[in-house]
C-alpha atoms as a PDB file:
ATOM      1  CA  MET A   1      85.878 128.397  40.566  1.00  0.00           C
ATOM      2  CA  LYS A   2      82.384 127.545  39.375  1.00  0.00           C
ATOM      3  CA  PRO A   3      82.012 127.142  35.616  1.00  0.00           C
ATOM      4  CA  LEU A   4      80.210 129.700  33.522  1.00  0.00           C
ATOM      5  CA  ILE A   5      76.885 128.120  32.577  1.00  0.00           C
ATOM      6  CA  VAL A   6      75.701 128.800  29.031  1.00  0.00           C
ATOM      7  CA  PRO A   7      71.947 128.019  29.143  1.00  0.00           C
ATOM      8  CA  PHE A   8      69.610 126.929  26.380  1.00  0.00           C
ATOM      9  CA  PHE A   9      65.909 126.656  27.235  1.00  0.00           C
ATOM     10  CA  ILE A  10      63.863 123.983  25.456  1.00  0.00           C
ATOM     11  CA  SER A  11      60.626 124.566  27.346  1.00  0.00           C
ATOM     12  CA  HIS A  12      58.209 121.603  27.311  1.00  0.00           C
ATOM     13  CA  GLN A  13      60.123 119.820  24.543  1.00  0.00           C
ATOM     14  CA  GLY A  14      59.984 116.060  25.089  1.00  0.00           C
ATOM     15  CA  CYS A  15      57.485 116.293  27.945  1.00  0.00           C
ATOM     16  CA  PRO A  16      54.921 113.450  27.732  1.00  0.00           C
ATOM     17  CA  GLN A  17      52.260 115.587  29.433  1.00  0.00           C
ATOM     18  CA  ARG A  18      51.763 118.959  31.066  1.00  0.00           C
ATOM     19  CA  CYS A  19      51.995 118.899  34.861  1.00  0.00           C
ATOM     20  CA  VAL A  20      49.375 120.930  36.721  1.00  0.00           C
ATOM     21  CA  PHE A  21      51.872 123.567  37.869  1.00  0.00           C
ATOM     22  CA  CYS A  22      53.976 123.907  34.742  1.00  0.00           C
ATOM     23  CA  ASN A  23      54.237 126.781  32.314  1.00  0.00           C
ATOM     24  CA  GLN A  24      57.907 126.920  31.380  1.00  0.00           C
ATOM     25  CA  LEU A  25      57.229 129.464  28.656  1.00  0.00           C
ATOM     26  CA  LYS A  26      56.127 131.955  31.322  1.00  0.00           C
ATOM     27  CA  ILE A  27      59.182 131.170  33.452  1.00  0.00           C
ATOM     28  CA  ALA A  28      61.906 131.212  30.812  1.00  0.00           C
ATOM     29  CA  GLY A  29      60.333 133.093  27.925  1.00  0.00           C
ATOM     30  CA  GLY A  30      60.532 132.044  24.288  1.00  0.00           C
ATOM     31  CA  ALA A  31      58.700 129.173  22.691  1.00  0.00           C
ATOM     32  CA  GLY A  32      61.198 126.482  23.608  1.00  0.00           C
ATOM     33  CA  GLU A  33      62.528 126.037  20.086  1.00  0.00           C
ATOM     34  CA  PHE A  34      65.679 124.008  19.615  1.00  0.00           C
ATOM     35  CA  PRO A  35      68.714 126.215  19.025  1.00  0.00           C
ATOM     36  CA  SER A  36      70.599 125.703  15.784  1.00  0.00           C
ATOM     37  CA  SER A  37      74.253 124.693  15.772  1.00  0.00           C
ATOM     38  CA  ALA A  38      75.202 128.218  14.706  1.00  0.00           C
ATOM     39  CA  GLU A  39      73.182 129.767  17.528  1.00  0.00           C
ATOM     40  CA  MET A  40      74.756 127.486  20.125  1.00  0.00           C
ATOM     41  CA  LEU A  41      78.296 128.080  18.925  1.00  0.00           C
ATOM     42  CA  ALA A  42      77.763 131.842  18.742  1.00  0.00           C
ATOM     43  CA  LYS A  43      76.406 132.014  22.288  1.00  0.00           C
ATOM     44  CA  ILE A  44      79.195 129.840  23.673  1.00  0.00           C
ATOM     45  CA  THR A  45      81.824 131.941  21.906  1.00  0.00           C
ATOM     46  CA  ALA A  46      80.301 135.166  23.198  1.00  0.00           C
ATOM     47  CA  CYS A  47      80.301 133.839  26.759  1.00  0.00           C
ATOM     48  CA  ARG A  48      83.873 132.619  26.499  1.00  0.00           C
ATOM     49  CA  ASN A  49      84.981 135.963  25.110  1.00  0.00           C
ATOM     50  CA  SER A  50      83.423 137.729  28.083  1.00  0.00           C
ATOM     51  CA  GLY A  51      86.471 136.538  30.004  1.00  0.00           C
ATOM     52  CA  ARG A  52      84.574 136.079  33.226  1.00  0.00           C
ATOM     53  CA  ARG A  53      85.554 132.436  33.745  1.00  0.00           C
ATOM     54  CA  ASN A  54      87.741 129.863  32.082  1.00  0.00           C
ATOM     55  CA  SER A  55      85.494 126.818  32.484  1.00  0.00           C
ATOM     56  CA  VAL A  56      82.260 126.626  30.478  1.00  0.00           C
ATOM     57  CA  GLU A  57      79.296 124.309  31.008  1.00  0.00           C
ATOM     58  CA  VAL A  58      76.526 124.115  28.410  1.00  0.00           C
ATOM     59  CA  ALA A  59      73.113 123.477  29.975  1.00  0.00           C
ATOM     60  CA  PHE A  60      69.808 122.436  28.433  1.00  0.00           C
ATOM     61  CA  PHE A  61      67.043 123.495  30.813  1.00  0.00           C
ATOM     62  CA  GLY A  62      63.326 122.833  30.644  1.00  0.00           C
ATOM     63  CA  GLY A  63      61.579 120.038  28.815  1.00  0.00           C
ATOM     64  CA  THR A  64      62.506 116.375  29.178  1.00  0.00           C
ATOM     65  CA  PHE A  65      65.855 116.049  27.481  1.00  0.00           C
ATOM     66  CA  THR A  66      66.202 112.281  27.482  1.00  0.00           C
ATOM     67  CA  THR A  67      62.851 111.608  25.760  1.00  0.00           C
ATOM     68  CA  LEU A  68      63.788 113.670  22.720  1.00  0.00           C
ATOM     69  CA  PRO A  69      64.193 111.649  19.496  1.00  0.00           C
ATOM     70  CA  MET A  70      67.757 110.539  18.816  1.00  0.00           C
ATOM     71  CA  PRO A  71      68.121 112.805  15.734  1.00  0.00           C
ATOM     72  CA  VAL A  72      67.269 115.803  17.932  1.00  0.00           C
ATOM     73  CA  LEU A  73      69.683 114.720  20.672  1.00  0.00           C
ATOM     74  CA  GLU A  74      72.448 114.348  18.125  1.00  0.00           C
ATOM     75  CA  ARG A  75      71.589 117.713  16.589  1.00  0.00           C
ATOM     76  CA  LEU A  76      72.028 119.336  20.010  1.00  0.00           C
ATOM     77  CA  LEU A  77      75.026 117.409  21.298  1.00  0.00           C
ATOM     78  CA  LEU A  78      77.189 116.602  18.272  1.00  0.00           C
ATOM     79  CA  PRO A  79      78.144 120.256  17.525  1.00  0.00           C
ATOM     80  CA  LEU A  80      79.521 120.470  21.069  1.00  0.00           C
ATOM     81  CA  GLN A  81      81.885 117.532  20.747  1.00  0.00           C
ATOM     82  CA  PRO A  82      84.745 119.418  19.001  1.00  0.00           C
ATOM     83  CA  LEU A  83      84.509 122.116  21.701  1.00  0.00           C
ATOM     84  CA  ILE A  84      84.721 119.485  24.431  1.00  0.00           C
ATOM     85  CA  ALA A  85      87.705 117.854  22.728  1.00  0.00           C
ATOM     86  CA  ALA A  86      89.430 121.236  22.468  1.00  0.00           C
ATOM     87  CA  GLY A  87      88.693 122.067  26.104  1.00  0.00           C
ATOM     88  CA  GLU A  88      86.539 125.043  25.180  1.00  0.00           C
ATOM     89  CA  VAL A  89      83.513 123.406  26.833  1.00  0.00           C
ATOM     90  CA  GLY A  90      84.162 121.500  30.016  1.00  0.00           C
ATOM     91  CA  SER A  91      80.864 119.672  30.390  1.00  0.00           C
ATOM     92  CA  ILE A  92      77.154 119.537  29.576  1.00  0.00           C
ATOM     93  CA  ARG A  93      74.169 119.617  31.945  1.00  0.00           C
ATOM     94  CA  VAL A  94      70.639 118.433  31.112  1.00  0.00           C
ATOM     95  CA  SER A  95      67.246 118.266  32.841  1.00  0.00           C
ATOM     96  CA  THR A  96      64.867 115.334  32.604  1.00  0.00           C
ATOM     97  CA  ARG A  97      62.191 113.244  34.313  1.00  0.00           C
ATOM     98  CA  PRO A  98      63.000 110.433  36.745  1.00  0.00           C
ATOM     99  CA  ASP A  99      61.109 107.891  34.598  1.00  0.00           C
ATOM    100  CA  ALA A 100      63.099 108.830  31.488  1.00  0.00           C
ATOM    101  CA  VAL A 101      66.418 107.410  32.666  1.00  0.00           C
ATOM    102  CA  ASP A 102      67.923 103.969  32.229  1.00  0.00           C
ATOM    103  CA  ALA A 103      71.384 102.498  31.745  1.00  0.00           C
ATOM    104  CA  GLY A 104      71.322 103.076  27.994  1.00  0.00           C
ATOM    105  CA  VAL A 105      70.394 106.728  28.446  1.00  0.00           C
ATOM    106  CA  ALA A 106      73.077 107.234  31.092  1.00  0.00           C
ATOM    107  CA  GLU A 107      75.741 105.629  28.907  1.00  0.00           C
ATOM    108  CA  PHE A 108      74.763 107.772  25.923  1.00  0.00           C
ATOM    109  CA  LEU A 109      74.826 110.994  27.955  1.00  0.00           C
ATOM    110  CA  LEU A 110      78.193 110.187  29.457  1.00  0.00           C
ATOM    111  CA  GLY A 111      79.664 109.472  26.038  1.00  0.00           C
ATOM    112  CA  MET A 112      78.420 112.836  24.775  1.00  0.00           C
ATOM    113  CA  GLY A 113      80.095 114.847  27.509  1.00  0.00           C
ATOM    114  CA  VAL A 114      77.121 115.219  29.863  1.00  0.00           C
ATOM    115  CA  ARG A 115      78.338 115.258  33.434  1.00  0.00           C
ATOM    116  CA  THR A 116      75.283 116.519  35.354  1.00  0.00           C
ATOM    117  CA  VAL A 117      71.643 115.444  35.176  1.00  0.00           C
ATOM    118  CA  GLU A 118      68.934 117.380  37.025  1.00  0.00           C
ATOM    119  CA  LEU A 119      65.833 115.387  37.877  1.00  0.00           C
ATOM    120  CA  GLY A 120      62.450 117.089  38.162  1.00  0.00           C
ATOM    121  CA  VAL A 121      61.334 115.161  41.234  1.00  0.00           C
ATOM    122  CA  GLN A 122      59.050 117.753  42.906  1.00  0.00           C
ATOM    123  CA  SER A 123      57.855 115.336  45.618  1.00  0.00           C
ATOM    124  CA  MET A 124      58.481 111.841  46.954  1.00  0.00           C
ATOM    125  CA  ASP A 125      54.865 111.488  48.089  1.00  0.00           C
ATOM    126  CA  GLU A 126      52.794 109.299  45.769  1.00  0.00           C
ATOM    127  CA  GLY A 127      49.569 111.194  46.413  1.00  0.00           C
ATOM    128  CA  VAL A 128      51.160 114.565  45.692  1.00  0.00           C
ATOM    129  CA  LEU A 129      52.763 113.212  42.518  1.00  0.00           C
ATOM    130  CA  GLU A 130      49.415 111.907  41.295  1.00  0.00           C
ATOM    131  CA  LEU A 131      47.500 115.099  42.065  1.00  0.00           C
ATOM    132  CA  SER A 132      50.207 117.125  40.317  1.00  0.00           C
ATOM    133  CA  GLY A 133      50.013 115.046  37.144  1.00  0.00           C
ATOM    134  CA  ARG A 134      53.660 114.042  37.295  1.00  0.00           C
ATOM    135  CA  GLY A 135      53.199 110.552  35.865  1.00  0.00           C
ATOM    136  CA  HIS A 136      56.145 109.043  37.749  1.00  0.00           C
ATOM    137  CA  THR A 137      56.630 107.459  41.166  1.00  0.00           C
ATOM    138  CA  ALA A 138      59.063 107.864  44.026  1.00  0.00           C
ATOM    139  CA  ALA A 139      60.541 104.509  43.024  1.00  0.00           C
ATOM    140  CA  ASP A 140      61.344 106.005  39.604  1.00  0.00           C
ATOM    141  CA  VAL A 141      63.336 108.707  41.364  1.00  0.00           C
ATOM    142  CA  GLU A 142      65.298 106.187  43.395  1.00  0.00           C
ATOM    143  CA  ASN A 143      66.024 104.098  40.314  1.00  0.00           C
ATOM    144  CA  ALA A 144      67.100 107.115  38.231  1.00  0.00           C
ATOM    145  CA  CYS A 145      69.522 108.298  40.914  1.00  0.00           C
ATOM    146  CA  ARG A 146      70.968 104.829  41.290  1.00  0.00           C
ATOM    147  CA  VAL A 147      71.516 104.411  37.539  1.00  0.00           C
ATOM    148  CA  LEU A 148      72.990 107.871  36.955  1.00  0.00           C
ATOM    149  CA  GLN A 149      75.315 107.613  39.938  1.00  0.00           C
ATOM    150  CA  SER A 150      76.505 104.175  38.835  1.00  0.00           C
ATOM    151  CA  PHE A 151      77.806 105.829  35.648  1.00  0.00           C
ATOM    152  CA  GLY A 152      79.560 108.546  37.623  1.00  0.00           C
ATOM    153  CA  LEU A 153      77.146 111.305  36.633  1.00  0.00           C
ATOM    154  CA  SER A 154      76.373 114.123  39.064  1.00  0.00           C
ATOM    155  CA  VAL A 155      72.710 114.206  40.070  1.00  0.00           C
ATOM    156  CA  GLY A 156      70.622 117.195  41.063  1.00  0.00           C
ATOM    157  CA  ILE A 157      67.116 116.927  42.518  1.00  0.00           C
ATOM    158  CA  GLN A 158      64.430 119.585  42.179  1.00  0.00           C
ATOM    159  CA  LEU A 159      61.773 119.698  44.925  1.00  0.00           C
ATOM    160  CA  MET A 160      58.561 121.726  44.863  1.00  0.00           C
ATOM    161  CA  PRO A 161      56.874 122.059  48.272  1.00  0.00           C
ATOM    162  CA  GLY A 162      53.270 123.244  48.376  1.00  0.00           C
ATOM    163  CA  LEU A 163      51.816 121.234  45.488  1.00  0.00           C
ATOM    164  CA  PRO A 164      48.230 119.910  45.606  1.00  0.00           C
ATOM    165  CA  GLY A 165      47.835 117.473  48.477  1.00  0.00           C
ATOM    166  CA  ASP A 166      51.136 118.492  50.010  1.00  0.00           C
ATOM    167  CA  THR A 167      51.698 119.423  53.655  1.00  0.00           C
ATOM    168  CA  PRO A 168      54.810 120.627  55.494  1.00  0.00           C
ATOM    169  CA  ASP A 169      55.239 117.130  56.947  1.00  0.00           C
ATOM    170  CA  LYS A 170      55.034 115.580  53.469  1.00  0.00           C
ATOM    171  CA  SER A 171      57.486 118.125  52.068  1.00  0.00           C
ATOM    172  CA  LEU A 172      59.984 117.355  54.803  1.00  0.00           C
ATOM    173  CA  ALA A 173      59.497 113.623  54.329  1.00  0.00           C
ATOM    174  CA  SER A 174      60.207 114.147  50.624  1.00  0.00           C
ATOM    175  CA  LEU A 175      63.336 116.070  51.541  1.00  0.00           C
ATOM    176  CA  ARG A 176      64.558 113.260  53.787  1.00  0.00           C
ATOM    177  CA  ARG A 177      63.973 110.630  51.087  1.00  0.00           C
ATOM    178  CA  ALA A 178      65.701 112.821  48.515  1.00  0.00           C
ATOM    179  CA  LEU A 179      68.711 113.408  50.778  1.00  0.00           C
ATOM    180  CA  ALA A 180      68.970 109.675  51.430  1.00  0.00           C
ATOM    181  CA  LEU A 181      69.724 109.284  47.707  1.00  0.00           C
ATOM    182  CA  LYS A 182      72.867 111.392  48.206  1.00  0.00           C
ATOM    183  CA  PRO A 183      72.327 113.870  45.360  1.00  0.00           C
ATOM    184  CA  ASP A 184      75.093 116.286  44.497  1.00  0.00           C
ATOM    185  CA  PHE A 185      72.776 119.268  44.920  1.00  0.00           C
ATOM    186  CA  LEU A 186      69.171 120.362  45.358  1.00  0.00           C
ATOM    187  CA  ARG A 187      66.923 123.069  44.002  1.00  0.00           C
ATOM    188  CA  ILE A 188      63.869 124.039  46.068  1.00  0.00           C
ATOM    189  CA  TYR A 189      61.034 125.813  44.267  1.00  0.00           C
ATOM    190  CA  PRO A 190      57.897 126.498  46.332  1.00  0.00           C
ATOM    191  CA  ALA A 191      54.893 125.941  44.070  1.00  0.00           C
ATOM    192  CA  LEU A 192      53.526 129.033  42.353  1.00  0.00           C
ATOM    193  CA  VAL A 193      50.204 129.412  40.555  1.00  0.00           C
ATOM    194  CA  LEU A 194      51.164 130.439  37.027  1.00  0.00           C
ATOM    195  CA  ALA A 195      48.760 131.688  34.382  1.00  0.00           C
ATOM    196  CA  GLY A 196      47.742 129.120  31.812  1.00  0.00           C
ATOM    197  CA  THR A 197      48.148 126.097  34.090  1.00  0.00           C
ATOM    198  CA  LYS A 198      45.759 123.537  35.523  1.00  0.00           C
ATOM    199  CA  LEU A 199      46.827 124.777  38.950  1.00  0.00           C
ATOM    200  CA  ALA A 200      45.472 128.218  38.066  1.00  0.00           C
ATOM    201  CA  GLU A 201      42.120 126.635  37.219  1.00  0.00           C
ATOM    202  CA  LEU A 202      42.087 124.762  40.540  1.00  0.00           C
ATOM    203  CA  TYR A 203      42.992 127.954  42.381  1.00  0.00           C
ATOM    204  CA  GLU A 204      40.264 129.987  40.688  1.00  0.00           C
ATOM    205  CA  LYS A 205      37.683 127.323  41.604  1.00  0.00           C
ATOM    206  CA  GLY A 206      38.851 127.291  45.217  1.00  0.00           C
ATOM    207  CA  ASP A 207      40.176 123.743  44.997  1.00  0.00           C
ATOM    208  CA  TYR A 208      43.794 124.653  45.684  1.00  0.00           C
ATOM    209  CA  THR A 209      45.421 126.985  48.181  1.00  0.00           C
ATOM    210  CA  PRO A 210      49.125 127.783  47.718  1.00  0.00           C
ATOM    211  CA  LEU A 211      51.530 128.408  50.553  1.00  0.00           C
ATOM    212  CA  SER A 212      51.639 132.005  51.698  1.00  0.00           C
ATOM    213  CA  LEU A 213      54.980 133.752  51.486  1.00  0.00           C
ATOM    214  CA  ALA A 214      55.425 133.512  55.276  1.00  0.00           C
ATOM    215  CA  GLU A 215      54.602 129.790  55.217  1.00  0.00           C
ATOM    216  CA  ALA A 216      56.976 129.114  52.347  1.00  0.00           C
ATOM    217  CA  ILE A 217      59.791 130.971  54.103  1.00  0.00           C
ATOM    218  CA  LYS A 218      59.322 128.978  57.320  1.00  0.00           C
ATOM    219  CA  LEU A 219      59.183 125.685  55.452  1.00  0.00           C
ATOM    220  CA  GLY A 220      62.115 126.673  53.244  1.00  0.00           C
ATOM    221  CA  LYS A 221      64.111 127.476  56.369  1.00  0.00           C
ATOM    222  CA  VAL A 222      63.667 123.972  57.745  1.00  0.00           C
ATOM    223  CA  MET A 223      64.351 122.361  54.356  1.00  0.00           C
ATOM    224  CA  LEU A 224      67.536 124.377  53.853  1.00  0.00           C
ATOM    225  CA  HIS A 225      68.706 123.475  57.346  1.00  0.00           C
ATOM    226  CA  GLY A 226      68.081 119.794  56.634  1.00  0.00           C
ATOM    227  CA  ALA A 227      70.114 119.967  53.437  1.00  0.00           C
ATOM    228  CA  LEU A 228      72.956 121.765  55.229  1.00  0.00           C
ATOM    229  CA  ALA A 229      72.974 119.065  57.891  1.00  0.00           C
ATOM    230  CA  ALA A 230      73.284 116.442  55.138  1.00  0.00           C
ATOM    231  CA  SER A 231      76.092 118.398  53.418  1.00  0.00           C
ATOM    232  CA  VAL A 232      74.032 118.689  50.229  1.00  0.00           C
ATOM    233  CA  PRO A 233      74.283 122.132  48.575  1.00  0.00           C
ATOM    234  CA  VAL A 234      71.044 123.919  47.719  1.00  0.00           C
ATOM    235  CA  ILE A 235      72.008 125.820  44.585  1.00  0.00           C
ATOM    236  CA  ARG A 236      68.718 127.703  44.272  1.00  0.00           C
ATOM    237  CA  ILE A 237      65.694 128.433  46.465  1.00  0.00           C
ATOM    238  CA  GLY A 238      62.781 130.023  44.643  1.00  0.00           C
ATOM    239  CA  LEU A 239      62.457 130.689  40.933  1.00  0.00           C
ATOM    240  CA  GLN A 240      64.933 133.040  39.299  1.00  0.00           C
ATOM    241  CA  PRO A 241      63.331 136.488  38.932  1.00  0.00           C
ATOM    242  CA  THR A 242      63.258 136.716  35.150  1.00  0.00           C
ATOM    243  CA  GLU A 243      61.538 139.499  33.230  1.00  0.00           C
ATOM    244  CA  GLU A 244      58.983 137.002  31.911  1.00  0.00           C
ATOM    245  CA  LEU A 245      58.151 135.658  35.369  1.00  0.00           C
ATOM    246  CA  GLN A 246      57.698 139.138  36.825  1.00  0.00           C
ATOM    247  CA  SER A 247      55.556 140.472  34.000  1.00  0.00           C
ATOM    248  CA  ASP A 248      51.944 141.361  34.831  1.00  0.00           C
ATOM    249  CA  GLY A 249      49.591 138.412  34.996  1.00  0.00           C
ATOM    250  CA  THR A 250      52.210 135.646  34.983  1.00  0.00           C
ATOM    251  CA  ILE A 251      51.988 134.771  38.685  1.00  0.00           C
ATOM    252  CA  VAL A 252      48.366 134.350  39.712  1.00  0.00           C
ATOM    253  CA  ALA A 253      49.106 133.451  43.337  1.00  0.00           C
ATOM    254  CA  GLY A 254      51.707 131.848  45.541  1.00  0.00           C
ATOM    255  CA  PRO A 255      54.843 132.626  47.558  1.00  0.00           C
ATOM    256  CA  TYR A 256      56.916 134.524  45.028  1.00  0.00           C
ATOM    257  CA  HIS A 257      59.625 136.965  46.050  1.00  0.00           C
ATOM    258  CA  PRO A 258      62.589 138.028  43.890  1.00  0.00           C
ATOM    259  CA  ALA A 259      64.946 137.547  46.858  1.00  0.00           C
ATOM    260  CA  PHE A 260      63.302 134.462  48.303  1.00  0.00           C
ATOM    261  CA  ARG A 261      66.551 132.786  49.283  1.00  0.00           C
ATOM    262  CA  GLN A 262      67.671 135.808  51.276  1.00  0.00           C
ATOM    263  CA  LEU A 263      64.390 135.733  53.183  1.00  0.00           C
ATOM    264  CA  VAL A 264      64.873 132.043  53.979  1.00  0.00           C
ATOM    265  CA  GLU A 265      68.474 132.465  55.089  1.00  0.00           C
ATOM    266  CA  GLY A 266      67.467 135.528  57.087  1.00  0.00           C
ATOM    267  CA  GLU A 267      65.057 133.349  59.086  1.00  0.00           C
ATOM    268  CA  LEU A 268      67.858 130.946  59.958  1.00  0.00           C
ATOM    269  CA  TYR A 269      70.052 133.795  61.181  1.00  0.00           C
ATOM    270  CA  PHE A 270      67.171 135.280  63.150  1.00  0.00           C
ATOM    271  CA  ASP A 271      66.576 131.980  64.932  1.00  0.00           C
ATOM    272  CA  LEU A 272      70.273 131.877  65.800  1.00  0.00           C
ATOM    273  CA  LEU A 273      70.070 135.484  67.023  1.00  0.00           C
ATOM    274  CA  LEU A 274      67.206 134.575  69.348  1.00  0.00           C
ATOM    275  CA  LEU A 275      69.206 131.660  70.710  1.00  0.00           C
ATOM    276  CA  LEU A 276      72.376 133.674  71.303  1.00  0.00           C
ATOM    277  CA  THR A 277      70.595 136.634  72.952  1.00  0.00           C
ATOM    278  CA  LYS A 278      68.546 134.508  75.336  1.00  0.00           C
ATOM    279  CA  GLY A 279      69.074 135.900  78.825  1.00  0.00           C
ATOM    280  CA  VAL A 280      70.637 139.148  77.631  1.00  0.00           C
ATOM    281  CA  PRO A 281      69.175 142.005  79.741  1.00  0.00           C
ATOM    282  CA  ASP A 282      66.661 144.326  78.095  1.00  0.00           C
ATOM    283  CA  ALA A 283      68.008 147.398  76.294  1.00  0.00           C
ATOM    284  CA  THR A 284      71.481 145.874  76.123  1.00  0.00           C
ATOM    285  CA  PRO A 285      73.327 147.115  73.017  1.00  0.00           C
ATOM    286  CA  VAL A 286      75.136 144.330  71.205  1.00  0.00           C
ATOM    287  CA  THR A 287      77.585 144.082  68.337  1.00  0.00           C
ATOM    288  CA  LEU A 288      77.148 141.255  65.865  1.00  0.00           C
ATOM    289  CA  HIS A 289      80.068 139.669  64.030  1.00  0.00           C
ATOM    290  CA  CYS A 290      79.573 137.512  60.958  1.00  0.00           C
ATOM    291  CA  PHE A 291      81.144 136.470  57.680  1.00  0.00           C
ATOM    292  CA  PRO A 292      81.406 139.707  55.612  1.00  0.00           C
ATOM    293  CA  THR A 293      79.030 138.659  52.812  1.00  0.00           C
ATOM    294  CA  LYS A 294      76.300 137.674  55.276  1.00  0.00           C
ATOM    295  CA  ILE A 295      75.696 141.076  56.867  1.00  0.00           C
ATOM    296  CA  SER A 296      72.635 141.871  54.733  1.00  0.00           C
ATOM    297  CA  ASP A 297      71.115 138.434  55.412  1.00  0.00           C
ATOM    298  CA  ILE A 298      71.493 138.885  59.166  1.00  0.00           C
ATOM    299  CA  VAL A 299      70.085 142.412  59.130  1.00  0.00           C
ATOM    300  CA  GLY A 300      67.163 141.181  57.026  1.00  0.00           C
ATOM    301  CA  GLN A 301      65.320 143.071  54.334  1.00  0.00           C
ATOM    302  CA  ARG A 302      64.421 146.548  55.552  1.00  0.00           C
ATOM    303  CA  ARG A 303      66.234 145.663  58.798  1.00  0.00           C
ATOM    304  CA  VAL A 304      63.411 143.340  59.795  1.00  0.00           C
ATOM    305  CA  ASN A 305      65.628 141.022  61.869  1.00  0.00           C
ATOM    306  CA  VAL A 306      67.082 143.905  63.843  1.00  0.00           C
ATOM    307  CA  GLN A 307      63.592 145.215  64.523  1.00  0.00           C
ATOM    308  CA  ARG A 308      62.206 141.805  65.489  1.00  0.00           C
ATOM    309  CA  LEU A 309      65.114 141.147  67.819  1.00  0.00           C
ATOM    310  CA  PHE A 310      64.361 144.342  69.714  1.00  0.00           C
ATOM    311  CA  ALA A 311      60.642 143.556  69.797  1.00  0.00           C
ATOM    312  CA  LYS A 312      61.128 139.999  71.087  1.00  0.00           C
ATOM    313  CA  ARG A 313      64.238 140.317  73.240  1.00  0.00           C
ATOM    314  CA  GLY A 314      64.546 144.024  73.929  1.00  0.00           C
ATOM    315  CA  VAL A 315      68.069 143.748  72.559  1.00  0.00           C
ATOM    316  CA  LYS A 316      69.393 146.616  70.449  1.00  0.00           C
ATOM    317  CA  VAL A 317      71.879 145.934  67.670  1.00  0.00           C
ATOM    318  CA  ALA A 318      74.468 148.709  67.903  1.00  0.00           C
ATOM    319  CA  ALA A 319      76.639 147.475  65.020  1.00  0.00           C
ATOM    320  CA  ILE A 320      77.213 144.576  62.652  1.00  0.00           C
ATOM    321  CA  GLU A 321      80.786 143.880  61.638  1.00  0.00           C
ATOM    322  CA  GLY A 322      82.197 141.499  59.063  1.00  0.00           C
ATOM    323  CA  ASP A 323      84.823 139.014  60.239  1.00  0.00           C
ATOM    324  CA  PRO A 324      86.413 136.736  57.619  1.00  0.00           C
ATOM    325  CA  ARG A 325      87.621 134.410  60.372  1.00  0.00           C
ATOM    326  CA  LEU A 326      84.014 133.297  60.904  1.00  0.00           C
ATOM    327  CA  SER A 327      82.345 130.825  58.561  1.00  0.00           C
ATOM    328  CA  PRO A 328      79.217 131.846  56.598  1.00  0.00           C
ATOM    329  CA  LEU A 329      77.157 129.780  59.059  1.00  0.00           C
ATOM    330  CA  GLU A 330      78.541 131.414  62.210  1.00  0.00           C
ATOM    331  CA  LEU A 331      77.361 134.422  64.194  1.00  0.00           C
ATOM    332  CA  GLN A 332      78.918 136.081  67.222  1.00  0.00           C
ATOM    333  CA  VAL A 333      77.190 138.378  69.733  1.00  0.00           C
ATOM    334  CA  ALA A 334      79.324 140.696  71.845  1.00  0.00           C
ATOM    335  CA  SER A 335      78.469 143.218  74.547  1.00  0.00           C
ATOM    336  CA  GLY A 336      80.872 144.230  77.323  1.00  0.00           C
ATOM    337  CA  ASN A 337      82.022 140.980  78.917  1.00  0.00           C
ATOM    338  CA  LEU A 338      79.417 139.003  76.997  1.00  0.00           C
ATOM    339  CA  LEU A 339      80.647 136.947  74.051  1.00  0.00           C
ATOM    340  CA  LYS A 340      78.541 134.204  72.469  1.00  0.00           C
ATOM    341  CA  LYS A 341      79.180 132.409  69.214  1.00  0.00           C
ATOM    342  CA  GLY A 342      76.793 130.090  67.419  1.00  0.00           C
ATOM    343  CA  ASN A 343      76.538 128.074  64.233  1.00  0.00           C
ATOM    344  CA  ILE A 344      73.341 127.611  62.207  1.00  0.00           C
ATOM    345  CA  LEU A 345      74.227 124.012  61.461  1.00  0.00           C
ATOM    346  CA  TYR A 346      75.134 122.826  64.937  1.00  0.00           C
ATOM    347  CA  ASP A 347      73.100 125.032  67.266  1.00  0.00           C
ATOM    348  CA  LEU A 348      69.667 125.126  65.613  1.00  0.00           C
ATOM    349  CA  ARG A 349      67.237 122.231  65.895  1.00  0.00           C
ATOM    350  CA  TYR A 350      63.874 122.049  64.188  1.00  0.00           C
ATOM    351  CA  THR A 351      61.461 119.600  65.791  1.00  0.00           C
ATOM    352  CA  PRO A 352      58.209 118.237  64.299  1.00  0.00           C
ATOM    353  CA  GLU A 353      56.342 120.700  66.515  1.00  0.00           C
ATOM    354  CA  VAL A 354      58.123 123.607  64.810  1.00  0.00           C
ATOM    355  CA  THR A 355      57.287 122.418  61.310  1.00  0.00           C
ATOM    356  CA  SER A 356      53.657 121.673  62.194  1.00  0.00           C
ATOM    357  CA  ARG A 357      53.189 125.380  62.863  1.00  0.00           C
ATOM    358  CA  VAL A 358      54.175 126.309  59.292  1.00  0.00           C
ATOM    359  CA  ARG A 359      50.540 126.277  58.269  1.00  0.00           C
END
């Protein structure tokens, strides 16, 4: 069972500069103040008392955790040590920059109960990193992963396709380089134009064009498929739909949708549907079988996949039935004597020609 994450947001704290796309205050809300010991302990206790899960992980999101002054790090981490010793907190997770990690940092984190470090990588393309004001290189990412993994720490990588200077080919090249580092998980956040950022200024002047929602979904589909093929979990696609993020005026432009991941996964299932119904006579009614929790993804929002399948193939979906014997990546099409089963991972292939049509 996954641990219950108890999050604390320290927006922009420790960051050496402001990246062109970043406004963590708009994403997470609050001013990014450091929580007091009492506040942390109260929140952890409340979460534990909710009884939802036995294992608890404390997470510090936002900011650059490992550049904070040592007194601040100790103020945040020392109050958690008795809870770790007592088994009330299982581990700690922090976020930081790739150029803010070395052996000393890794050793300190490990000794304080940190078990997972998320790296804000965004891109592995040097030009994109420079235009985005990141201030680190792809080599910094490779070094950070190597150091953290050598200490036995889990490593997560955050990628942000669609930044200034980016292209679908560059995003996919970044994905391949990131996967080659064997991270424990990925997050994929298509770039959004947020109010109060340099990116918003570039957008207003016509110097930056974000991905459209359709483009981001198509690119996200290929990126998710690549991660699946590499057996690297993608724990989030698209920003979490918080109240702050969805308030008026926060998102100036860009491919935001509160259910972005479902749209991306729906595209994968639709591609598999097209493959499995190839050659099926027009107007043939079919029954689809899938893992029970994937029915809504296969149908698509507002039944868009069912409608597109009829428009493209002339195939009518008569019913969709859940089958726990199938894996979440499998889909079965049945009609009379027809029975076809496919798997997103093994049966779909995305060539360079497919990705070049994203934009």
